C-alpha atoms as a PDB file:
ATOM      1  CA  MET A   1       6.798   3.865  26.935  1.00  0.00           C
ATOM      2  CA  PHE A   2       7.244   0.409  25.377  1.00  0.00           C
ATOM      3  CA  SER A   3       8.396  -1.176  28.643  1.00  0.00           C
ATOM      4  CA  LYS A   4       5.371   0.262  30.472  1.00  0.00           C
ATOM      5  CA  ALA A   5       2.968  -1.176  27.886  1.00  0.00           C
ATOM      6  CA  PHE A   6       4.829  -4.486  27.850  1.00  0.00           C
ATOM      7  CA  SER A   7       4.671  -4.676  31.654  1.00  0.00           C
ATOM      8  CA  SER A   8       0.918  -4.136  31.647  1.00  0.00           C
ATOM      9  CA  VAL A   9       0.470  -6.905  29.060  1.00  0.00           C
ATOM     10  CA  LEU A  10       2.537  -9.275  31.190  1.00  0.00           C
ATOM     11  CA  ALA A  11       0.554  -8.314  34.269  1.00  0.00           C
ATOM     12  CA  THR A  12      -2.688  -9.078  32.444  1.00  0.00           C
ATOM     13  CA  PHE A  13      -1.465 -12.539  31.475  1.00  0.00           C
ATOM     14  CA  ALA A  14      -0.120 -13.170  34.956  1.00  0.00           C
ATOM     15  CA  ALA A  15      -3.393 -12.105  36.561  1.00  0.00           C
ATOM     16  CA  ALA A  16      -5.520 -14.663  34.738  1.00  0.00           C
ATOM     17  CA  ASN A  17      -4.625 -18.197  33.793  1.00  0.00           C
ATOM     18  CA  ILE A  18      -7.599 -20.416  33.110  1.00  0.00           C
ATOM     19  CA  ASN A  19      -5.575 -23.597  33.566  1.00  0.00           C
ATOM     20  CA  GLU A  20      -4.112 -22.592  36.922  1.00  0.00           C
ATOM     21  CA  ASP A  21      -7.309 -20.993  38.225  1.00  0.00           C
ATOM     22  CA  ASN A  22      -9.338 -24.118  37.365  1.00  0.00           C
ATOM     23  CA  HIS A  23      -6.722 -26.791  38.035  1.00  0.00           C
ATOM     24  CA  GLU A  24      -8.999 -28.882  40.269  1.00  0.00           C
ATOM     25  CA  LEU A  25     -11.804 -28.865  37.692  1.00  0.00           C
ATOM     26  CA  LEU A  26      -9.564 -29.604  34.709  1.00  0.00           C
ATOM     27  CA  HIS A  27      -7.876 -32.502  36.498  1.00  0.00           C
ATOM     28  CA  GLY A  28     -11.088 -34.100  37.733  1.00  0.00           C
ATOM     29  CA  GLU A  29     -10.274 -33.353  41.385  1.00  0.00           C
ATOM     30  CA  LYS A  30     -13.423 -31.247  41.646  1.00  0.00           C
ATOM     31  CA  GLN A  31     -16.619 -32.110  39.797  1.00  0.00           C
ATOM     32  CA  LEU A  32     -17.710 -29.728  37.042  1.00  0.00           C
ATOM     33  CA  HIS A  33     -21.205 -28.357  37.678  1.00  0.00           C
ATOM     34  CA  ALA A  34     -23.452 -25.963  35.799  1.00  0.00           C
ATOM     35  CA  ILE A  35     -22.409 -23.122  38.117  1.00  0.00           C
ATOM     36  CA  HIS A  36     -18.842 -23.409  36.776  1.00  0.00           C
ATOM     37  CA  MET A  37     -19.822 -23.116  33.123  1.00  0.00           C
ATOM     38  CA  GLN A  38     -20.438 -19.385  32.689  1.00  0.00           C
ATOM     39  CA  PRO A  39     -17.381 -18.247  34.708  1.00  0.00           C
ATOM     40  CA  LEU A  40     -15.177 -20.741  32.852  1.00  0.00           C
ATOM     41  CA  TRP A  41     -16.462 -19.532  29.463  1.00  0.00           C
ATOM     42  CA  GLU A  42     -16.071 -15.873  30.464  1.00  0.00           C
ATOM     43  CA  GLN A  43     -12.492 -16.442  31.615  1.00  0.00           C
ATOM     44  CA  PHE A  44     -11.701 -18.307  28.401  1.00  0.00           C
ATOM     45  CA  LYS A  45     -13.060 -15.414  26.325  1.00  0.00           C
ATOM     46  CA  GLN A  46     -11.166 -12.883  28.417  1.00  0.00           C
ATOM     47  CA  GLU A  47      -7.869 -14.720  27.974  1.00  0.00           C
ATOM     48  CA  PHE A  48      -8.157 -15.908  24.381  1.00  0.00           C
ATOM     49  CA  ASP A  49     -10.675 -13.780  22.456  1.00  0.00           C
ATOM     50  CA  ALA A  50      -7.957 -11.580  20.980  1.00  0.00           C
ATOM     51  CA  VAL A  51      -5.907 -14.561  19.752  1.00  0.00           C
ATOM     52  CA  SER A  52      -8.548 -17.182  19.001  1.00  0.00           C
ATOM     53  CA  PRO A  53      -8.669 -18.202  15.327  1.00  0.00           C
ATOM     54  CA  VAL A  54     -12.485 -18.431  15.505  1.00  0.00           C
ATOM     55  CA  GLU A  55     -15.165 -16.032  16.658  1.00  0.00           C
ATOM     56  CA  LEU A  56     -16.062 -16.937  20.237  1.00  0.00           C
ATOM     57  CA  ASN A  57     -19.803 -17.146  19.670  1.00  0.00           C
ATOM     58  CA  GLN A  58     -22.422 -19.621  20.907  1.00  0.00           C
ATOM     59  CA  ASP A  59     -21.182 -22.405  18.597  1.00  0.00           C
ATOM     60  CA  ALA A  60     -17.662 -21.940  19.907  1.00  0.00           C
ATOM     61  CA  MET A  61     -19.019 -22.037  23.457  1.00  0.00           C
ATOM     62  CA  PHE A  62     -20.577 -25.475  22.911  1.00  0.00           C
ATOM     63  CA  THR A  63     -17.374 -26.706  21.293  1.00  0.00           C
ATOM     64  CA  PHE A  64     -15.368 -25.245  24.176  1.00  0.00           C
ATOM     65  CA  PHE A  65     -17.362 -27.237  26.730  1.00  0.00           C
ATOM     66  CA  GLU A  66     -16.983 -30.418  24.672  1.00  0.00           C
ATOM     67  CA  ASN A  67     -13.233 -29.791  24.729  1.00  0.00           C
ATOM     68  CA  VAL A  68     -13.313 -29.076  28.469  1.00  0.00           C
ATOM     69  CA  ASP A  69     -14.928 -32.496  28.950  1.00  0.00           C
ATOM     70  CA  LYS A  70     -12.153 -34.094  26.884  1.00  0.00           C
ATOM     71  CA  VAL A  71      -9.480 -32.307  28.934  1.00  0.00           C
ATOM     72  CA  ILE A  72     -11.056 -33.463  32.204  1.00  0.00           C
ATOM     73  CA  GLU A  73     -11.488 -37.031  30.935  1.00  0.00           C
ATOM     74  CA  HIS A  74      -7.847 -37.213  29.851  1.00  0.00           C
ATOM     75  CA  ASN A  75      -6.381 -35.491  32.909  1.00  0.00           C
ATOM     76  CA  SER A  76      -8.384 -37.746  35.242  1.00  0.00           C
ATOM     77  CA  GLN A  77      -6.576 -40.848  33.970  1.00  0.00           C
ATOM     78  CA  GLU A  78      -3.996 -42.180  36.396  1.00  0.00           C
ATOM     79  CA  ASN A  79      -1.513 -43.517  33.841  1.00  0.00           C
ATOM     80  CA  LYS A  80      -1.410 -40.529  31.481  1.00  0.00           C
ATOM     81  CA  SER A  81       1.974 -39.561  30.056  1.00  0.00           C
ATOM     82  CA  PHE A  82       1.048 -35.898  29.509  1.00  0.00           C
ATOM     83  CA  THR A  83      -1.476 -33.333  30.712  1.00  0.00           C
ATOM     84  CA  LYS A  84      -3.968 -31.511  28.506  1.00  0.00           C
ATOM     85  CA  ALA A  85      -4.805 -27.833  28.975  1.00  0.00           C
ATOM     86  CA  LEU A  86      -7.019 -25.150  27.492  1.00  0.00           C
ATOM     87  CA  ASN A  87      -5.577 -22.778  24.897  1.00  0.00           C
ATOM     88  CA  LYS A  88      -6.631 -20.468  22.065  1.00  0.00           C
ATOM     89  CA  PHE A  89      -7.802 -23.480  20.032  1.00  0.00           C
ATOM     90  CA  SER A  90     -10.218 -24.766  22.698  1.00  0.00           C
ATOM     91  CA  GLY A  91     -13.174 -23.078  20.997  1.00  0.00           C
ATOM     92  CA  MET A  92     -12.513 -25.028  17.793  1.00  0.00           C
ATOM     93  CA  ASN A  93     -13.674 -28.478  16.761  1.00  0.00           C
ATOM     94  CA  PHE A  94     -11.286 -30.852  14.992  1.00  0.00           C
ATOM     95  CA  LYS A  95     -12.394 -29.837  11.481  1.00  0.00           C
ATOM     96  CA  GLN A  96     -11.864 -26.145  12.236  1.00  0.00           C
ATOM     97  CA  PHE A  97      -8.474 -26.900  13.774  1.00  0.00           C
ATOM     98  CA  SER A  98      -7.520 -29.103  10.843  1.00  0.00           C
ATOM     99  CA  ASP A  99      -8.541 -26.420   8.345  1.00  0.00           C
ATOM    100  CA  TYR A 100      -6.729 -23.715  10.315  1.00  0.00           C
ATOM    101  CA  THR A 101      -3.474 -25.667  10.555  1.00  0.00           C
ATOM    102  CA  HIS A 102      -3.794 -27.139   7.045  1.00  0.00           C
ATOM    103  CA  LEU A 103      -3.480 -30.548   8.667  1.00  0.00           C
ATOM    104  CA  ARG A 104      -5.046 -32.348   5.701  1.00  0.00           C
ATOM    105  CA  ASP A 105      -2.743 -30.531   3.276  1.00  0.00           C
ATOM    106  CA  ASN A 106       0.260 -31.521   5.364  1.00  0.00           C
ATOM    107  CA  GLN A 107      -0.857 -35.164   5.512  1.00  0.00           C
ATOM    108  CA  GLU A 108      -1.371 -35.285   1.736  1.00  0.00           C
ATOM    109  CA  ASN A 109       2.057 -33.729   1.113  1.00  0.00           C
ATOM    110  CA  ALA A 110       3.704 -36.299   3.413  1.00  0.00           C
ATOM    111  CA  GLU A 111       2.371 -39.215   1.371  1.00  0.00           C
END
């Protein structure tokens, strides 16, 4: 029973990968247009809604697209030393991420 359920979970993750499916967009090889927005958002919600630390509402959608722009801008650079990708935090702004990870608390404790 467990192995059957586990296999279906793995199959779900294998079937959809926003970073692989949208590689050309996220690396600036293909220009992002308005027609890409809704499918990209829907795929993000499908993949990460269950694990996202924030509710994936309209505010998160706007933040998500701001983060998509940042990913594209970074990945389009020729001399980058790493590649950015979308993940469960892509619907969060920096303050939300900082609060979630207790980044400020960690910085204060390090001083």
